[in-house]
């Protein structure tokens, strides 16, 4: 996992180095919704996906 770990470490360092940004209430709610939907369990219903 060498190169992938290095790039992840670089990305984390880059994000930590960014200056904070002020958000309004609407932007905060939008980001919260995006984050919660990305963590929601995803399922594929039987018969909905056909790979030919």
PDB file of N, CA and C in Angstrom:
ATOM      1  N   UNK A   1       0.822  -1.201   0.000  1.00  0.00           N
ATOM      2  CA  UNK A   1       0.000   0.000   0.000  1.00  0.00           C
ATOM      3  C   UNK A   1       0.863   1.262   0.000  1.00  0.00           C
ATOM      4  N   UNK A   2       2.113   1.163  -0.372  1.00  0.00           N
ATOM      5  CA  UNK A   2       3.060   2.253  -0.306  1.00  0.00           C
ATOM      6  C   UNK A   2       2.643   3.532  -1.008  1.00  0.00           C
ATOM      7  N   UNK A   3       2.558   3.528  -2.357  1.00  0.00           N
ATOM      8  CA  UNK A   3       2.255   4.782  -3.071  1.00  0.00           C
ATOM      9  C   UNK A   3       0.887   5.364  -2.722  1.00  0.00           C
ATOM     10  N   UNK A   4      -0.083   4.491  -2.529  1.00  0.00           N
ATOM     11  CA  UNK A   4      -1.433   4.965  -2.193  1.00  0.00           C
ATOM     12  C   UNK A   4      -1.446   5.634  -0.822  1.00  0.00           C
ATOM     13  N   UNK A   5      -0.739   5.048   0.125  1.00  0.00           N
ATOM     14  CA  UNK A   5      -0.648   5.612   1.475  1.00  0.00           C
ATOM     15  C   UNK A   5       0.045   6.967   1.430  1.00  0.00           C
ATOM     16  N   UNK A   6       1.104   7.085   0.613  1.00  0.00           N
ATOM     17  CA  UNK A   6       1.819   8.356   0.489  1.00  0.00           C
ATOM     18  C   UNK A   6       0.910   9.447  -0.058  1.00  0.00           C
ATOM     19  N   UNK A   7       0.122   9.118  -1.097  1.00  0.00           N
ATOM     20  CA  UNK A   7      -0.749  10.131  -1.685  1.00  0.00           C
ATOM     21  C   UNK A   7      -1.859  10.526  -0.708  1.00  0.00           C
ATOM     22  N   UNK A   8      -2.338   9.569   0.081  1.00  0.00           N
ATOM     23  CA  UNK A   8      -3.357   9.870   1.086  1.00  0.00           C
ATOM     24  C   UNK A   8      -2.774  10.777   2.168  1.00  0.00           C
ATOM     25  N   UNK A   9      -1.565  10.468   2.590  1.00  0.00           N
ATOM     26  CA  UNK A   9      -0.899  11.310   3.600  1.00  0.00           C
ATOM     27  C   UNK A   9      -0.694  12.726   3.078  1.00  0.00           C
ATOM     28  N   UNK A  10      -0.320  12.856   1.816  1.00  0.00           N
ATOM     29  CA  UNK A  10      -0.133  14.180   1.209  1.00  0.00           C
ATOM     30  C   UNK A  10      -1.452  14.936   1.150  1.00  0.00           C
ATOM     31  N   UNK A  11      -2.525  14.242   0.792  1.00  0.00           N
ATOM     32  CA  UNK A  11      -3.852  14.872   0.709  1.00  0.00           C
ATOM     33  C   UNK A  11      -4.305  15.355   2.087  1.00  0.00           C
ATOM     34  N   UNK A  12      -4.099  14.529   3.101  1.00  0.00           N
ATOM     35  CA  UNK A  12      -4.468  14.899   4.463  1.00  0.00           C
ATOM     36  C   UNK A  12      -3.679  16.121   4.909  1.00  0.00           C
ATOM     37  N   UNK A  13      -2.379  16.132   4.634  1.00  0.00           N
ATOM     38  CA  UNK A  13      -1.539  17.273   5.015  1.00  0.00           C
ATOM     39  C   UNK A  13      -2.001  18.541   4.293  1.00  0.00           C
ATOM     40  N   UNK A  14      -2.352  18.406   3.024  1.00  0.00           N
ATOM     41  CA  UNK A  14      -2.821  19.559   2.249  1.00  0.00           C
ATOM     42  C   UNK A  14      -4.122  20.120   2.835  1.00  0.00           C
ATOM     43  N   UNK A  15      -5.046  19.233   3.192  1.00  0.00           N
ATOM     44  CA  UNK A  15      -6.324  19.678   3.768  1.00  0.00           C
ATOM     45  C   UNK A  15      -6.126  20.327   5.135  1.00  0.00           C
ATOM     46  N   UNK A  16      -5.222  19.784   5.929  1.00  0.00           N
ATOM     47  CA  UNK A  16      -4.959  20.367   7.250  1.00  0.00           C
ATOM     48  C   UNK A  16      -4.305  21.740   7.147  1.00  0.00           C
ATOM     49  N   UNK A  17      -3.559  21.968   6.068  1.00  0.00           N
ATOM     50  CA  UNK A  17      -2.853  23.237   5.890  1.00  0.00           C
ATOM     51  C   UNK A  17      -3.769  24.347   5.357  1.00  0.00           C
ATOM     52  N   UNK A  18      -4.951  23.972   4.838  1.00  0.00           N
ATOM     53  CA  UNK A  18      -5.864  24.980   4.289  1.00  0.00           C
ATOM     54  C   UNK A  18      -6.406  25.880   5.387  1.00  0.00           C
ATOM     55  N   UNK A  19      -6.587  27.123   5.039  1.00  0.00           N
ATOM     56  CA  UNK A  19      -7.174  28.068   5.986  1.00  0.00           C
ATOM     57  C   UNK A  19      -8.675  27.789   6.119  1.00  0.00           C
ATOM     58  N   UNK A  20      -9.234  28.025   7.300  1.00  0.00           N
ATOM     59  CA  UNK A  20     -10.675  27.831   7.496  1.00  0.00           C
ATOM     60  C   UNK A  20     -11.487  28.778   6.599  1.00  0.00           C
ATOM     61  N   UNK A  21     -12.662  28.332   6.218  1.00  0.00           N
ATOM     62  CA  UNK A  21     -13.551  29.126   5.371  1.00  0.00           C
ATOM     63  C   UNK A  21     -14.880  29.294   6.108  1.00  0.00           C
ATOM     64  N   UNK A  22     -15.399  30.509   6.120  1.00  0.00           N
ATOM     65  CA  UNK A  22     -16.702  30.759   6.739  1.00  0.00           C
ATOM     66  C   UNK A  22     -17.811  30.273   5.811  1.00  0.00           C
ATOM     67  N   UNK A  23     -18.783  29.581   6.386  1.00  0.00           N
ATOM     68  CA  UNK A  23     -19.933  29.089   5.638  1.00  0.00           C
ATOM     69  C   UNK A  23     -21.189  29.723   6.208  1.00  0.00           C
ATOM     70  N   UNK A  24     -22.172  29.927   5.329  1.00  0.00           N
ATOM     71  CA  UNK A  24     -23.460  30.357   5.862  1.00  0.00           C
ATOM     72  C   UNK A  24     -24.266  29.117   6.246  1.00  0.00           C
ATOM     73  N   UNK A  25     -25.397  29.310   6.854  1.00  0.00           N
ATOM     74  CA  UNK A  25     -26.201  28.198   7.366  1.00  0.00           C
ATOM     75  C   UNK A  25     -26.634  27.262   6.244  1.00  0.00           C
ATOM     76  N   UNK A  26     -27.034  27.816   5.114  1.00  0.00           N
ATOM     77  CA  UNK A  26     -27.484  26.990   3.990  1.00  0.00           C
ATOM     78  C   UNK A  26     -26.371  26.115   3.443  1.00  0.00           C
ATOM     79  N   UNK A  27     -25.179  26.677   3.315  1.00  0.00           N
ATOM     80  CA  UNK A  27     -24.041  25.897   2.825  1.00  0.00           C
ATOM     81  C   UNK A  27     -23.688  24.774   3.796  1.00  0.00           C
ATOM     82  N   UNK A  28     -23.770  25.076   5.081  1.00  0.00           N
ATOM     83  CA  UNK A  28     -23.472  24.058   6.093  1.00  0.00           C
ATOM     84  C   UNK A  28     -24.475  22.909   6.021  1.00  0.00           C
ATOM     85  N   UNK A  29     -25.744  23.231   5.843  1.00  0.00           N
ATOM     86  CA  UNK A  29     -26.762  22.181   5.726  1.00  0.00           C
ATOM     87  C   UNK A  29     -26.553  21.345   4.472  1.00  0.00           C
ATOM     88  N   UNK A  30     -26.183  22.004   3.371  1.00  0.00           N
ATOM     89  CA  UNK A  30     -25.922  21.288   2.129  1.00  0.00           C
ATOM     90  C   UNK A  30     -24.760  20.315   2.299  1.00  0.00           C
ATOM     91  N   UNK A  31     -23.662  20.778   2.890  1.00  0.00           N
ATOM     92  CA  UNK A  31     -22.504  19.909   3.101  1.00  0.00           C
ATOM     93  C   UNK A  31     -22.827  18.766   4.057  1.00  0.00           C
ATOM     94  N   UNK A  32     -23.628  19.054   5.070  1.00  0.00           N
ATOM     95  CA  UNK A  32     -24.019  18.009   6.019  1.00  0.00           C
ATOM     96  C   UNK A  32     -24.858  16.949   5.313  1.00  0.00           C
ATOM     97  N   UNK A  33     -25.752  17.373   4.433  1.00  0.00           N
ATOM     98  CA  UNK A  33     -26.577  16.422   3.678  1.00  0.00           C
ATOM     99  C   UNK A  33     -25.746  15.562   2.751  1.00  0.00           C
ATOM    100  N   UNK A  34     -24.771  16.173   2.084  1.00  0.00           N
ATOM    101  CA  UNK A  34     -23.890  15.417   1.192  1.00  0.00           C
ATOM    102  C   UNK A  34     -23.101  14.388   1.987  1.00  0.00           C
ATOM    103  N   UNK A  35     -22.574  14.793   3.134  1.00  0.00           N
ATOM    104  CA  UNK A  35     -21.785  13.880   3.961  1.00  0.00           C
ATOM    105  C   UNK A  35     -22.633  12.724   4.476  1.00  0.00           C
ATOM    106  N   UNK A  36     -23.830  13.012   4.941  1.00  0.00           N
ATOM    107  CA  UNK A  36     -24.661  11.939   5.496  1.00  0.00           C
ATOM    108  C   UNK A  36     -25.136  10.987   4.404  1.00  0.00           C
ATOM    109  N   UNK A  37     -25.408  11.488   3.201  1.00  0.00           N
ATOM    110  CA  UNK A  37     -25.844  10.596   2.130  1.00  0.00           C
ATOM    111  C   UNK A  37     -24.694   9.725   1.632  1.00  0.00           C
ATOM    112  N   UNK A  38     -23.458  10.219   1.712  1.00  0.00           N
ATOM    113  CA  UNK A  38     -22.325   9.408   1.281  1.00  0.00           C
ATOM    114  C   UNK A  38     -22.024   8.295   2.286  1.00  0.00           C
ATOM    115  N   UNK A  39     -22.461   8.463   3.531  1.00  0.00           N
ATOM    116  CA  UNK A  39     -22.238   7.440   4.546  1.00  0.00           C
ATOM    117  C   UNK A  39     -23.393   6.460   4.667  1.00  0.00           C
ATOM    118  N   UNK A  40     -24.515   6.785   4.028  1.00  0.00           N
ATOM    119  CA  UNK A  40     -25.689   5.928   4.107  1.00  0.00           C
ATOM    120  C   UNK A  40     -25.404   4.590   3.425  1.00  0.00           C
ATOM    121  N   UNK A  41     -25.914   3.523   3.979  1.00  0.00           N
ATOM    122  CA  UNK A  41     -25.722   2.201   3.396  1.00  0.00           C
ATOM    123  C   UNK A  41     -26.365   2.159   2.018  1.00  0.00           C
ATOM    124  N   UNK A  42     -25.626   1.631   1.059  1.00  0.00           N
ATOM    125  CA  UNK A  42     -26.130   1.540  -0.303  1.00  0.00           C
ATOM    126  C   UNK A  42     -26.408   0.082  -0.633  1.00  0.00           C
ATOM    127  N   UNK A  43     -27.537  -0.167  -1.272  1.00  0.00           N
ATOM    128  CA  UNK A  43     -27.933  -1.527  -1.622  1.00  0.00           C
ATOM    129  C   UNK A  43     -28.378  -1.578  -3.073  1.00  0.00           C
ATOM    130  N   UNK A  44     -28.176  -2.708  -3.672  1.00  0.00           N
ATOM    131  CA  UNK A  44     -28.679  -2.933  -5.018  1.00  0.00           C
ATOM    132  C   UNK A  44     -29.843  -3.919  -4.885  1.00  0.00           C
ATOM    133  N   UNK A  45     -31.015  -3.489  -5.349  1.00  0.00           N
ATOM    134  CA  UNK A  45     -32.196  -4.342  -5.249  1.00  0.00           C
ATOM    135  C   UNK A  45     -32.099  -5.475  -6.272  1.00  0.00           C
ATOM    136  N   UNK A  46     -32.570  -6.631  -5.877  1.00  0.00           N
ATOM    137  CA  UNK A  46     -32.545  -7.796  -6.779  1.00  0.00           C
ATOM    138  C   UNK A  46     -33.357  -7.482  -8.035  1.00  0.00           C
ATOM    139  N   UNK A  47     -32.815  -7.825  -9.178  1.00  0.00           N
ATOM    140  CA  UNK A  47     -33.520  -7.644 -10.424  1.00  0.00           C
ATOM    141  C   UNK A  47     -33.430  -6.241 -11.007  1.00  0.00           C
ATOM    142  N   UNK A  48     -32.759  -5.322 -10.330  1.00  0.00           N
ATOM    143  CA  UNK A  48     -32.663  -3.943 -10.816  1.00  0.00           C
ATOM    144  C   UNK A  48     -31.432  -3.721 -11.683  1.00  0.00           C
ATOM    145  N   UNK A  49     -30.393  -4.540 -11.479  1.00  0.00           N
ATOM    146  CA  UNK A  49     -29.154  -4.374 -12.231  1.00  0.00           C
ATOM    147  C   UNK A  49     -28.887  -5.629 -13.024  1.00  0.00           C
ATOM    148  N   UNK A  50     -28.716  -5.471 -14.308  1.00  0.00           N
ATOM    149  CA  UNK A  50     -28.416  -6.610 -15.178  1.00  0.00           C
ATOM    150  C   UNK A  50     -27.122  -6.308 -15.927  1.00  0.00           C
ATOM    151  N   UNK A  51     -26.142  -7.146 -15.739  1.00  0.00           N
ATOM    152  CA  UNK A  51     -24.871  -7.008 -16.443  1.00  0.00           C
ATOM    153  C   UNK A  51     -24.803  -8.062 -17.537  1.00  0.00           C
ATOM    154  N   UNK A  52     -24.746  -7.614 -18.755  1.00  0.00           N
ATOM    155  CA  UNK A  52     -24.683  -8.561 -19.889  1.00  0.00           C
ATOM    156  C   UNK A  52     -23.306  -8.576 -20.501  1.00  0.00           C
TER     157      UNK A  52
END
